[in-house]
Structure formats: structure tokens, C-alpha cells
Amino acid sequence: MGLNTSHRPVTEEDYNRVRELHALGMGRNAIAREIDRAQRTVSVIAAELGLVFDTSMTEDATRARVAQLAALRADTAVDLHLDALRLTQQMWEPATVFNFGGKDNTFAHREVAEPPAADKKALMTAAGVALEKSLKLVPPADDAGAEDAKSMLGKLMVGLRAAYEEAAGEEAGEEAEGESP
């Protein structure tokens, strides 16, 4: 049956069918399809007959969708926090600097111990944006949690820096050993 586009008057038969199908436990949309009437028409008939449709399934489905969206927001917030961590780690890792230029538009590159200051600024900006978006998706429950998180991130950054310096020191030591007579 197709969508009723005509403006045919509601009949006693429509009232009887709505009452009958409602008693069978059918929902408003199913009844509308069955009697080839608009959902609003079925709602009006049901209201006039004092019939109420069970909305618990719709409410449960809505709650489930809301919970699913909350979980997705939380997952995305975690991903953004991890992205921020990876971006800040890159500030202290070896990098390749490069340039295109000259009249022949040549490509030149070299490895450096860590990115130049401008690149570090860009990495920190990107990390800050990721953290900001994460906090908008899932704001901290209270300030104490935020302070704990800041403290943890601070300790993590100190630890990463120490690990980097230790690794850099070992590399320097290996080079010195290789140069000795």
C-alpha cells in the first residue's frame, strides 16, 4: 500500500480498524501502513478513542542510542588525548628537515636531533587543539580530576624527557667508545 495522498474523510471503518489493530498490540506506524492512513491521522483517531501507544520500546531505543553516542564521544576523547601525547613526543625525537628551492626547485633534507623551534610550536599547537577538543567531548567531572590529569601529564613529560636524554647520552657514549684508540 502506498502513502495516502488523497484527502478522503476518516470513516467509522478507520476508527474500528485502529481500535482492532491497537488491541492486537500494533504500534502507530504499523497501523498507519495497514489502513493506508498518515501516522498523524492514526494518532488523532487513537486519541479520540482514548487509546495510548506503548512508547517504552522507543524510549529504550533512544536511551541506547544516547548511551552509544556517549561511549563514542568517550572513545574519541581518548583518541584525541593519545594524539596529543604522540604530537608532544615528536618534539623531542629525531626529525627530518627539508626544503624545496632554488632556480631548479631542488629538494634538500637532513636529519636533526629534534625538530626546529617553529615545528615544535606547531606540534604543541596541534596537541593543544586535540586536548581542547577532547575536553569538550568529555569534560572533567570535577577540578580535582583535572589537576590529577595535569599532574600525570607533567610527570609523563618529565619522564619522556629523561628517557630521551638518557638515550641521547648512550648514543654519545657509543660514538666516543668507537673513536678511542
Protein backbone atom coordinates (compact mmCIF):
# COMPACT_ATOMS: atom_id res chain seq x y z
CA MET A 1 0.00 0.00 0.00
CA GLY A 2 1.28 3.47 -0.82
CA LEU A 3 1.22 6.70 1.07
CA ASN A 4 -2.26 8.19 1.25
CA THR A 5 -2.07 11.46 -0.61
CA SER A 6 -5.79 11.94 -1.05
CA HIS A 7 -7.86 13.87 1.44
CA ARG A 8 -10.51 11.23 1.95
CA PRO A 9 -12.57 11.69 5.10
CA VAL A 10 -11.95 9.50 8.12
CA THR A 11 -14.65 6.82 8.32
CA GLU A 12 -16.16 4.73 11.06
CA GLU A 13 -14.28 1.81 9.50
CA ASP A 14 -11.00 3.69 10.16
CA TYR A 15 -11.96 4.09 13.83
CA ASN A 16 -12.87 0.38 14.07
CA ARG A 17 -9.63 -0.76 12.42
CA VAL A 18 -7.47 1.48 14.65
CA ARG A 19 -9.26 0.10 17.74
CA GLU A 20 -8.87 -3.51 16.50
CA LEU A 21 -5.21 -3.23 15.47
CA HIS A 22 -4.31 -1.35 18.65
CA ALA A 23 -5.88 -4.19 20.66
CA LEU A 24 -3.58 -6.59 18.79
CA GLY A 25 -0.60 -4.61 20.09
CA MET A 26 0.35 -2.91 16.83
CA GLY A 27 2.11 0.42 17.00
CA ARG A 28 1.01 3.65 15.39
CA ASN A 29 3.29 3.38 12.36
CA ALA A 30 2.27 -0.22 11.64
CA ILE A 31 -1.42 0.69 11.93
CA ALA A 32 -0.93 3.65 9.58
CA ARG A 33 0.64 1.36 6.98
CA GLU A 34 -2.09 -1.26 7.46
CA ILE A 35 -5.02 1.11 6.98
CA ASP A 36 -3.22 3.35 4.44
CA ARG A 37 -3.51 6.48 6.55
CA ALA A 38 -0.99 9.06 7.74
CA GLN A 39 0.62 8.49 11.13
CA ARG A 40 -0.88 11.76 12.37
CA THR A 41 -4.37 10.58 11.35
CA VAL A 42 -3.88 7.37 13.34
CA SER A 43 -2.63 9.41 16.33
CA VAL A 44 -5.72 11.65 16.20
CA ILE A 45 -8.10 8.67 15.91
CA ALA A 46 -6.34 6.87 18.79
CA ALA A 47 -6.51 9.99 20.98
CA GLU A 48 -10.22 10.39 20.25
CA LEU A 49 -10.73 6.75 21.20
CA GLY A 50 -8.65 7.18 24.38
CA LEU A 51 -6.02 4.72 23.15
CA VAL A 52 -2.37 5.11 24.15
CA PHE A 53 0.55 3.56 22.34
CA ASP A 54 3.35 1.89 24.30
CA THR A 55 6.42 4.09 23.88
CA SER A 56 8.71 2.07 26.14
CA MET A 57 10.45 0.44 23.16
CA THR A 58 11.08 3.86 21.61
CA GLU A 59 12.31 5.23 24.93
CA ASP A 60 14.60 2.22 25.43
CA ALA A 61 15.97 2.61 21.90
CA THR A 62 16.55 6.32 22.48
CA ARG A 63 18.37 5.63 25.76
CA ALA A 64 20.50 3.02 23.99
CA ARG A 65 21.39 5.49 21.19
CA VAL A 66 22.26 8.19 23.73
CA ALA A 67 24.48 5.74 25.63
CA GLN A 68 26.13 4.62 22.39
CA LEU A 69 26.86 8.24 21.43
CA ALA A 70 28.31 8.91 24.88
CA ALA A 71 30.59 5.88 24.51
CA LEU A 72 31.69 7.06 21.05
CA ARG A 73 32.42 10.54 22.42
CA ALA A 74 34.48 8.99 25.23
CA ASP A 75 36.40 6.82 22.73
CA THR A 76 37.06 9.84 20.52
CA ALA A 77 38.22 11.85 23.55
CA VAL A 78 40.70 9.09 24.43
CA ASP A 79 41.94 9.01 20.82
CA LEU A 80 42.43 12.79 20.87
CA HIS A 81 44.38 12.57 24.14
CA LEU A 82 46.60 9.86 22.64
CA ASP A 83 47.10 12.02 19.52
CA ALA A 84 48.19 14.91 21.76
CA LEU A 85 50.65 12.62 23.53
CA ARG A 86 52.13 11.43 20.22
CA LEU A 87 52.41 15.01 18.98
CA THR A 88 54.22 16.20 22.11
CA GLN A 89 56.57 13.20 21.98
CA GLN A 90 57.60 14.23 18.46
CA MET A 91 59.03 17.47 19.88
CA TRP A 92 61.92 15.50 21.38
CA GLU A 93 62.50 12.89 18.68
CA PRO A 94 64.83 12.99 15.68
CA ALA A 95 63.30 14.65 12.65
CA THR A 96 63.97 15.37 9.02
CA VAL A 97 64.12 18.99 7.94
CA PHE A 98 63.74 19.72 4.26
CA ASN A 99 63.37 22.47 1.72
CA PHE A 100 62.41 22.90 -1.91
CA GLY A 101 64.05 25.81 -3.57
CA GLY A 102 66.48 27.46 -5.89
CA LYS A 103 66.01 28.14 -9.56
CA ASP A 104 65.84 24.38 -10.25
CA ASN A 105 63.39 23.78 -7.36
CA THR A 106 65.73 21.24 -5.79
CA PHE A 107 64.91 19.15 -2.75
CA ALA A 108 67.32 19.18 0.18
CA HIS A 109 66.96 17.42 3.52
CA ARG A 110 68.90 16.37 6.58
CA GLU A 111 68.30 14.58 9.85
CA VAL A 112 68.33 16.62 13.07
CA ALA A 113 68.29 15.54 16.73
CA GLU A 114 64.91 17.21 17.30
CA PRO A 115 62.57 19.44 15.29
CA PRO A 116 63.30 23.16 14.94
CA ALA A 117 61.51 25.56 17.29
CA ALA A 118 58.87 26.53 14.70
CA ASP A 119 57.97 22.87 14.19
CA LYS A 120 57.86 22.32 17.97
CA LYS A 121 55.45 25.24 18.21
CA ALA A 122 53.25 23.69 15.51
CA LEU A 123 53.33 20.31 17.28
CA MET A 124 52.38 21.92 20.61
CA THR A 125 49.56 23.87 18.94
CA ALA A 126 48.19 20.71 17.34
CA ALA A 127 48.44 18.86 20.67
CA GLY A 128 46.65 21.72 22.42
CA VAL A 129 43.82 21.64 19.87
CA ALA A 130 43.48 17.86 20.30
CA LEU A 131 43.30 18.20 24.10
CA GLU A 132 40.82 21.08 23.88
CA LYS A 133 38.52 19.10 21.58
CA SER A 134 38.83 16.06 23.83
CA LEU A 135 37.82 18.05 26.90
CA LYS A 136 34.83 19.48 25.04
CA LEU A 137 33.69 15.97 24.13
CA VAL A 138 34.05 14.67 27.69
CA PRO A 139 34.58 17.45 30.24
CA PRO A 140 36.30 16.50 33.50
CA ALA A 141 33.84 15.59 36.26
CA ASP A 142 35.49 17.96 38.72
CA ASP A 143 38.58 20.13 39.06
CA ALA A 144 40.36 17.56 41.25
CA GLY A 145 40.35 15.12 38.35
CA ALA A 146 41.69 17.78 36.01
CA GLU A 147 44.50 18.58 38.43
CA ASP A 148 45.35 14.88 38.73
CA ALA A 149 45.44 14.63 34.93
CA LYS A 150 47.69 17.71 34.63
CA SER A 151 50.00 16.27 37.27
CA MET A 152 50.12 12.91 35.48
CA LEU A 153 50.83 14.58 32.11
CA GLY A 154 53.54 16.71 33.71
CA LYS A 155 55.20 13.64 35.21
CA LEU A 156 54.88 11.83 31.89
CA MET A 157 56.57 14.70 30.04
CA VAL A 158 59.41 14.81 32.62
CA GLY A 159 59.84 11.06 32.25
CA LEU A 160 59.84 11.23 28.46
CA ARG A 161 62.44 13.99 28.54
CA ALA A 162 64.62 11.98 30.95
CA ALA A 163 64.34 8.89 28.74
CA TYR A 164 65.25 10.96 25.69
CA GLU A 165 68.29 12.48 27.42
CA GLU A 166 69.39 9.06 28.62
CA ALA A 167 69.08 7.61 25.11
CA ALA A 168 70.93 10.59 23.64
CA GLY A 169 73.68 10.17 26.27
CA GLU A 170 74.08 6.47 25.42
CA GLU A 171 74.42 7.29 21.73
CA ALA A 172 77.11 9.88 22.52
CA GLY A 173 78.90 7.32 24.71
CA GLU A 174 78.87 4.71 21.94
CA GLU A 175 80.36 7.21 19.49
CA ALA A 176 83.08 8.12 22.00
CA GLU A 177 83.94 4.45 22.56
CA GLY A 178 84.26 3.86 18.83
CA GLU A 179 86.67 6.79 18.47
CA SER A 180 89.11 5.67 21.19
CA PRO A 181 92.49 4.14 20.11
